[in-house]
Amino acid sequence: MKEFIQATNLANEFYTEEKCYITELSNSSDDANISIARARVASGITTCWHCLIATVEYYYILSGVGIMELGDLPAQSVNVGDIVRIPPMCKQRITNTGAEDLVFLAICSPRFTSDIYIDIEEN
């Protein structure tokens, strides 16, 4: 691994089937220990129920407000500055309850790859 400084390019944002927008900030096989993404959930949207295999995920709320549903915990409000720790295989989803976008960092260890994502959306 080599040192680097990288500018964020929000034009690289993409929409996911999970119902949120993602900008990969740092996700490389050169650093398999961690990935960092910027997630954006539009007002009134609830992401799909999902979990991650063998990966701990942290949310750090940058802007907006929402309700986090996590494992067996009761649903809880999340606000700017809050941190959510999500163990491997823990079901999760988040709802934007505000009028503006809910934006947070999603930090995964080890790094996120699409093969660790499990959609567990309840119908």
N, C-alpha and C. Protein backbone atom coordinates (compact mmCIF):
# COMPACT_ATOMS: atom_id res chain seq x y z
N MET A 1 0.85 -1.17 0.00
CA MET A 1 0.00 0.00 0.00
C MET A 1 0.89 1.24 0.00
N LYS A 2 0.51 2.22 -0.80
CA LYS A 2 1.25 3.48 -0.86
C LYS A 2 0.37 4.62 -0.38
N GLU A 3 1.01 5.64 0.13
CA GLU A 3 0.28 6.83 0.56
C GLU A 3 -0.33 7.53 -0.66
N PHE A 4 -1.44 8.22 -0.43
CA PHE A 4 -2.06 9.00 -1.50
C PHE A 4 -3.03 10.00 -0.92
N ILE A 5 -3.34 11.00 -1.71
CA ILE A 5 -4.40 11.97 -1.42
C ILE A 5 -5.30 11.97 -2.64
N GLN A 6 -6.58 11.79 -2.40
CA GLN A 6 -7.53 11.65 -3.50
C GLN A 6 -8.67 12.63 -3.33
N ALA A 7 -8.98 13.36 -4.36
CA ALA A 7 -10.12 14.27 -4.34
C ALA A 7 -11.41 13.47 -4.51
N THR A 8 -12.47 13.90 -3.86
CA THR A 8 -13.77 13.26 -4.00
C THR A 8 -14.46 13.79 -5.24
N ASN A 9 -15.02 12.88 -6.02
CA ASN A 9 -15.75 13.26 -7.23
C ASN A 9 -17.19 12.77 -7.10
N LEU A 10 -18.09 13.64 -6.68
CA LEU A 10 -19.49 13.25 -6.48
C LEU A 10 -20.19 12.93 -7.80
N ALA A 11 -19.57 13.25 -8.93
CA ALA A 11 -20.13 12.88 -10.22
C ALA A 11 -20.09 11.37 -10.44
N ASN A 12 -19.31 10.66 -9.65
CA ASN A 12 -19.22 9.20 -9.75
C ASN A 12 -20.31 8.49 -8.94
N GLU A 13 -21.24 9.25 -8.39
CA GLU A 13 -22.33 8.67 -7.60
C GLU A 13 -23.19 7.77 -8.50
N PHE A 14 -23.65 6.63 -7.94
CA PHE A 14 -24.53 5.73 -8.67
C PHE A 14 -25.67 5.28 -7.76
N TYR A 15 -26.79 4.91 -8.38
CA TYR A 15 -27.97 4.46 -7.66
C TYR A 15 -27.92 2.95 -7.51
N THR A 16 -28.33 2.45 -6.34
CA THR A 16 -28.30 1.01 -6.09
C THR A 16 -29.72 0.47 -5.95
N GLU A 17 -29.85 -0.83 -6.10
CA GLU A 17 -31.15 -1.49 -5.90
C GLU A 17 -31.60 -1.40 -4.45
N GLU A 18 -30.67 -1.06 -3.57
CA GLU A 18 -30.98 -0.89 -2.15
C GLU A 18 -31.79 0.39 -1.90
N LYS A 19 -31.93 1.23 -2.91
CA LYS A 19 -32.69 2.48 -2.88
C LYS A 19 -31.89 3.64 -2.30
N CYS A 20 -30.58 3.64 -2.53
CA CYS A 20 -29.77 4.78 -2.13
C CYS A 20 -28.70 5.04 -3.18
N TYR A 21 -28.07 6.19 -3.07
CA TYR A 21 -27.00 6.59 -3.97
C TYR A 21 -25.67 6.38 -3.26
N ILE A 22 -24.68 5.88 -3.98
CA ILE A 22 -23.36 5.59 -3.41
C ILE A 22 -22.27 6.28 -4.23
N THR A 23 -21.32 6.85 -3.53
CA THR A 23 -20.07 7.31 -4.13
C THR A 23 -18.95 6.59 -3.41
N GLU A 24 -18.22 5.74 -4.13
CA GLU A 24 -17.08 5.05 -3.54
C GLU A 24 -15.96 6.07 -3.32
N LEU A 25 -15.56 6.25 -2.07
CA LEU A 25 -14.50 7.19 -1.75
C LEU A 25 -13.15 6.49 -1.69
N SER A 26 -13.15 5.28 -1.14
CA SER A 26 -11.93 4.48 -1.06
C SER A 26 -12.34 3.02 -0.98
N ASN A 27 -12.08 2.29 -2.05
CA ASN A 27 -12.41 0.86 -2.08
C ASN A 27 -11.51 0.21 -3.13
N SER A 28 -10.43 -0.38 -2.64
CA SER A 28 -9.43 -0.93 -3.55
C SER A 28 -8.86 -2.23 -2.99
N SER A 29 -8.55 -3.14 -3.87
CA SER A 29 -7.90 -4.38 -3.44
C SER A 29 -6.51 -4.12 -2.88
N ASP A 30 -5.96 -2.94 -3.15
CA ASP A 30 -4.66 -2.55 -2.57
C ASP A 30 -4.77 -2.33 -1.06
N ASP A 31 -5.98 -2.09 -0.57
CA ASP A 31 -6.23 -1.93 0.87
C ASP A 31 -7.48 -2.73 1.22
N ALA A 32 -7.29 -4.02 1.40
CA ALA A 32 -8.42 -4.91 1.64
C ALA A 32 -9.01 -4.77 3.04
N ASN A 33 -8.36 -3.99 3.92
CA ASN A 33 -8.80 -3.87 5.30
C ASN A 33 -10.00 -2.95 5.50
N ILE A 34 -10.24 -2.04 4.55
CA ILE A 34 -11.29 -1.04 4.78
C ILE A 34 -11.78 -0.46 3.46
N SER A 35 -13.04 -0.06 3.45
CA SER A 35 -13.58 0.74 2.35
C SER A 35 -14.42 1.86 2.96
N ILE A 36 -14.49 2.96 2.23
CA ILE A 36 -15.29 4.11 2.67
C ILE A 36 -16.14 4.56 1.49
N ALA A 37 -17.43 4.67 1.73
CA ALA A 37 -18.35 5.15 0.71
C ALA A 37 -19.21 6.25 1.30
N ARG A 38 -19.64 7.16 0.45
CA ARG A 38 -20.62 8.18 0.83
C ARG A 38 -21.97 7.67 0.36
N ALA A 39 -22.92 7.54 1.28
CA ALA A 39 -24.27 7.09 0.94
C ALA A 39 -25.23 8.26 1.06
N ARG A 40 -26.20 8.30 0.15
CA ARG A 40 -27.20 9.37 0.17
C ARG A 40 -28.57 8.74 -0.03
N VAL A 41 -29.49 9.03 0.91
CA VAL A 41 -30.85 8.51 0.86
C VAL A 41 -31.79 9.71 0.72
N ALA A 42 -32.63 9.67 -0.29
CA ALA A 42 -33.54 10.78 -0.54
C ALA A 42 -34.64 10.84 0.53
N SER A 43 -35.24 12.01 0.67
CA SER A 43 -36.30 12.23 1.65
C SER A 43 -37.43 11.22 1.45
N GLY A 44 -37.87 10.62 2.57
CA GLY A 44 -38.99 9.70 2.54
C GLY A 44 -38.66 8.28 2.12
N ILE A 45 -37.44 8.01 1.77
CA ILE A 45 -37.04 6.68 1.28
C ILE A 45 -36.51 5.81 2.43
N THR A 46 -36.87 4.53 2.40
CA THR A 46 -36.33 3.52 3.29
C THR A 46 -35.52 2.55 2.45
N THR A 47 -34.28 2.31 2.84
CA THR A 47 -33.45 1.36 2.10
C THR A 47 -33.97 -0.06 2.34
N CYS A 48 -33.52 -0.98 1.53
CA CYS A 48 -33.93 -2.38 1.65
C CYS A 48 -33.23 -3.05 2.82
N TRP A 49 -33.93 -4.01 3.44
CA TRP A 49 -33.29 -4.83 4.47
C TRP A 49 -32.13 -5.59 3.83
N HIS A 50 -30.98 -5.58 4.51
CA HIS A 50 -29.83 -6.31 4.02
C HIS A 50 -28.86 -6.59 5.16
N CYS A 51 -27.86 -7.41 4.88
CA CYS A 51 -26.76 -7.64 5.82
C CYS A 51 -25.50 -7.90 5.02
N LEU A 52 -24.37 -7.88 5.70
CA LEU A 52 -23.08 -8.11 5.06
C LEU A 52 -22.39 -9.31 5.69
N ILE A 53 -21.82 -10.15 4.86
CA ILE A 53 -21.12 -11.35 5.31
C ILE A 53 -19.72 -10.97 5.79
N ALA A 54 -19.37 -11.40 7.01
CA ALA A 54 -17.99 -11.30 7.54
C ALA A 54 -17.41 -9.88 7.48
N THR A 55 -18.28 -8.88 7.55
CA THR A 55 -17.83 -7.48 7.44
C THR A 55 -18.55 -6.63 8.48
N VAL A 56 -17.78 -5.85 9.22
CA VAL A 56 -18.34 -4.87 10.14
C VAL A 56 -18.53 -3.58 9.35
N GLU A 57 -19.68 -2.95 9.53
CA GLU A 57 -19.96 -1.69 8.85
C GLU A 57 -20.27 -0.62 9.88
N TYR A 58 -19.77 0.57 9.65
CA TYR A 58 -20.07 1.73 10.49
C TYR A 58 -20.72 2.79 9.61
N TYR A 59 -21.76 3.41 10.13
CA TYR A 59 -22.33 4.60 9.50
C TYR A 59 -21.92 5.80 10.35
N TYR A 60 -21.49 6.85 9.68
CA TYR A 60 -21.24 8.13 10.34
C TYR A 60 -22.13 9.15 9.64
N ILE A 61 -23.11 9.69 10.37
CA ILE A 61 -24.11 10.57 9.77
C ILE A 61 -23.51 11.97 9.55
N LEU A 62 -23.50 12.39 8.28
CA LEU A 62 -22.94 13.70 7.90
C LEU A 62 -24.00 14.79 7.84
N SER A 63 -25.19 14.46 7.33
CA SER A 63 -26.26 15.46 7.25
C SER A 63 -27.60 14.74 7.16
N GLY A 64 -28.64 15.44 7.60
CA GLY A 64 -29.98 14.89 7.56
C GLY A 64 -30.33 14.16 8.85
N VAL A 65 -31.53 13.58 8.84
CA VAL A 65 -32.04 12.83 9.99
C VAL A 65 -32.72 11.57 9.47
N GLY A 66 -32.78 10.56 10.34
CA GLY A 66 -33.42 9.33 9.90
C GLY A 66 -33.74 8.42 11.06
N ILE A 67 -34.24 7.26 10.71
CA ILE A 67 -34.53 6.18 11.65
C ILE A 67 -33.70 4.98 11.22
N MET A 68 -32.92 4.45 12.15
CA MET A 68 -32.09 3.27 11.88
C MET A 68 -32.76 2.06 12.49
N GLU A 69 -32.91 1.01 11.70
CA GLU A 69 -33.40 -0.28 12.17
C GLU A 69 -32.24 -1.26 12.05
N LEU A 70 -31.91 -1.90 13.19
CA LEU A 70 -30.66 -2.65 13.28
C LEU A 70 -30.84 -3.86 14.17
N GLY A 71 -30.73 -5.04 13.58
CA GLY A 71 -30.80 -6.27 14.36
C GLY A 71 -32.06 -6.33 15.20
N ASP A 72 -31.87 -6.66 16.48
CA ASP A 72 -32.99 -6.77 17.42
C ASP A 72 -33.25 -5.49 18.20
N LEU A 73 -32.49 -4.43 17.92
CA LEU A 73 -32.69 -3.16 18.62
C LEU A 73 -33.99 -2.51 18.18
N PRO A 74 -34.62 -1.73 19.06
CA PRO A 74 -35.77 -0.93 18.60
C PRO A 74 -35.28 0.12 17.61
N ALA A 75 -36.13 0.52 16.69
CA ALA A 75 -35.79 1.57 15.73
C ALA A 75 -35.38 2.83 16.51
N GLN A 76 -34.32 3.49 16.04
CA GLN A 76 -33.80 4.66 16.74
C GLN A 76 -33.53 5.79 15.76
N SER A 77 -33.75 7.02 16.23
CA SER A 77 -33.42 8.20 15.44
C SER A 77 -31.91 8.33 15.30
N VAL A 78 -31.47 8.78 14.12
CA VAL A 78 -30.06 9.11 13.91
C VAL A 78 -29.98 10.54 13.39
N ASN A 79 -28.96 11.23 13.85
CA ASN A 79 -28.76 12.65 13.53
C ASN A 79 -27.30 12.89 13.19
N VAL A 80 -27.00 14.09 12.75
CA VAL A 80 -25.63 14.47 12.40
C VAL A 80 -24.68 14.15 13.55
N GLY A 81 -23.58 13.47 13.21
CA GLY A 81 -22.56 13.12 14.18
C GLY A 81 -22.73 11.76 14.82
N ASP A 82 -23.89 11.13 14.63
CA ASP A 82 -24.11 9.81 15.21
C ASP A 82 -23.31 8.75 14.47
N ILE A 83 -22.93 7.71 15.21
CA ILE A 83 -22.23 6.56 14.64
C ILE A 83 -23.08 5.32 14.90
N VAL A 84 -23.24 4.50 13.88
CA VAL A 84 -23.96 3.24 13.98
C VAL A 84 -22.95 2.13 13.70
N ARG A 85 -22.84 1.15 14.60
CA ARG A 85 -21.96 0.00 14.37
C ARG A 85 -22.82 -1.20 14.03
N ILE A 86 -22.52 -1.83 12.90
CA ILE A 86 -23.32 -2.93 12.38
C ILE A 86 -22.43 -4.17 12.27
N PRO A 87 -22.64 -5.15 13.15
CA PRO A 87 -21.83 -6.37 13.09
C PRO A 87 -22.12 -7.18 11.82
N PRO A 88 -21.23 -8.12 11.48
CA PRO A 88 -21.49 -9.00 10.34
C PRO A 88 -22.81 -9.74 10.51
N MET A 89 -23.53 -9.92 9.43
CA MET A 89 -24.79 -10.67 9.36
C MET A 89 -25.92 -10.04 10.18
N CYS A 90 -25.79 -8.78 10.54
CA CYS A 90 -26.83 -8.07 11.28
C CYS A 90 -27.76 -7.38 10.28
N LYS A 91 -29.06 -7.69 10.35
CA LYS A 91 -29.98 -7.07 9.40
C LYS A 91 -30.10 -5.58 9.71
N GLN A 92 -30.23 -4.80 8.63
CA GLN A 92 -30.22 -3.35 8.77
C GLN A 92 -30.98 -2.68 7.63
N ARG A 93 -31.49 -1.50 7.95
CA ARG A 93 -32.02 -0.58 6.95
C ARG A 93 -32.15 0.78 7.61
N ILE A 94 -32.24 1.82 6.79
CA ILE A 94 -32.34 3.18 7.31
C ILE A 94 -33.40 3.93 6.51
N THR A 95 -34.12 4.80 7.20
CA THR A 95 -35.17 5.62 6.58
C THR A 95 -34.81 7.09 6.74
N ASN A 96 -34.93 7.85 5.67
CA ASN A 96 -34.75 9.29 5.74
C ASN A 96 -36.09 9.90 6.16
N THR A 97 -36.15 10.45 7.35
CA THR A 97 -37.38 11.06 7.86
C THR A 97 -37.40 12.57 7.72
N GLY A 98 -36.35 13.13 7.14
CA GLY A 98 -36.26 14.58 7.01
C GLY A 98 -36.68 15.06 5.63
N ALA A 99 -36.64 16.38 5.47
CA ALA A 99 -37.00 17.01 4.20
C ALA A 99 -35.82 17.05 3.23
N GLU A 100 -34.62 16.90 3.76
CA GLU A 100 -33.40 16.94 2.92
C GLU A 100 -32.78 15.55 2.87
N ASP A 101 -31.82 15.38 1.96
CA ASP A 101 -31.13 14.10 1.85
C ASP A 101 -30.47 13.72 3.17
N LEU A 102 -30.49 12.42 3.46
CA LEU A 102 -29.73 11.85 4.57
C LEU A 102 -28.42 11.35 3.97
N VAL A 103 -27.30 11.88 4.46
CA VAL A 103 -25.99 11.55 3.90
C VAL A 103 -25.11 11.01 5.02
N PHE A 104 -24.45 9.90 4.75
CA PHE A 104 -23.57 9.30 5.76
C PHE A 104 -22.41 8.58 5.09
N LEU A 105 -21.35 8.39 5.85
CA LEU A 105 -20.25 7.55 5.41
C LEU A 105 -20.57 6.12 5.81
N ALA A 106 -20.30 5.19 4.92
CA ALA A 106 -20.41 3.77 5.21
C ALA A 106 -18.99 3.22 5.15
N ILE A 107 -18.49 2.83 6.32
CA ILE A 107 -17.10 2.38 6.45
C ILE A 107 -17.14 0.89 6.75
N CYS A 108 -16.53 0.09 5.88
CA CYS A 108 -16.58 -1.37 6.01
C CYS A 108 -15.19 -1.94 6.26
N SER A 109 -15.14 -2.94 7.16
CA SER A 109 -13.89 -3.64 7.44
C SER A 109 -14.19 -5.13 7.61
N PRO A 110 -13.59 -6.00 6.77
CA PRO A 110 -12.79 -5.65 5.61
C PRO A 110 -13.62 -4.93 4.56
N ARG A 111 -12.99 -4.54 3.49
CA ARG A 111 -13.63 -3.68 2.49
C ARG A 111 -14.87 -4.31 1.88
N PHE A 112 -15.77 -3.45 1.42
CA PHE A 112 -17.00 -3.90 0.78
C PHE A 112 -16.70 -4.42 -0.62
N THR A 113 -17.29 -5.58 -0.93
CA THR A 113 -17.36 -6.10 -2.29
C THR A 113 -18.78 -6.59 -2.49
N SER A 114 -19.24 -6.59 -3.71
CA SER A 114 -20.65 -6.91 -3.95
C SER A 114 -21.03 -8.34 -3.52
N ASP A 115 -20.07 -9.25 -3.46
CA ASP A 115 -20.39 -10.63 -3.10
C ASP A 115 -20.68 -10.83 -1.61
N ILE A 116 -20.44 -9.83 -0.77
CA ILE A 116 -20.73 -9.96 0.66
C ILE A 116 -22.11 -9.41 1.01
N TYR A 117 -22.78 -8.78 0.06
CA TYR A 117 -24.08 -8.16 0.29
C TYR A 117 -25.18 -9.20 0.16
N ILE A 118 -26.06 -9.29 1.17
CA ILE A 118 -27.21 -10.19 1.11
C ILE A 118 -28.49 -9.36 1.23
N ASP A 119 -29.32 -9.43 0.21
CA ASP A 119 -30.63 -8.76 0.24
C ASP A 119 -31.57 -9.66 1.03
N ILE A 120 -32.12 -9.13 2.12
CA ILE A 120 -33.07 -9.89 2.93
C ILE A 120 -34.39 -9.14 3.05
N GLU A 121 -34.71 -8.38 2.02
CA GLU A 121 -35.94 -7.59 2.01
C GLU A 121 -37.13 -8.48 2.29
N GLU A 122 -37.95 -8.08 3.26
CA GLU A 122 -39.15 -8.81 3.61
C GLU A 122 -40.29 -8.35 2.72
N ASN A 123 -40.99 -9.28 2.13
CA ASN A 123 -42.09 -8.90 1.23
C ASN A 123 -43.42 -8.92 1.95
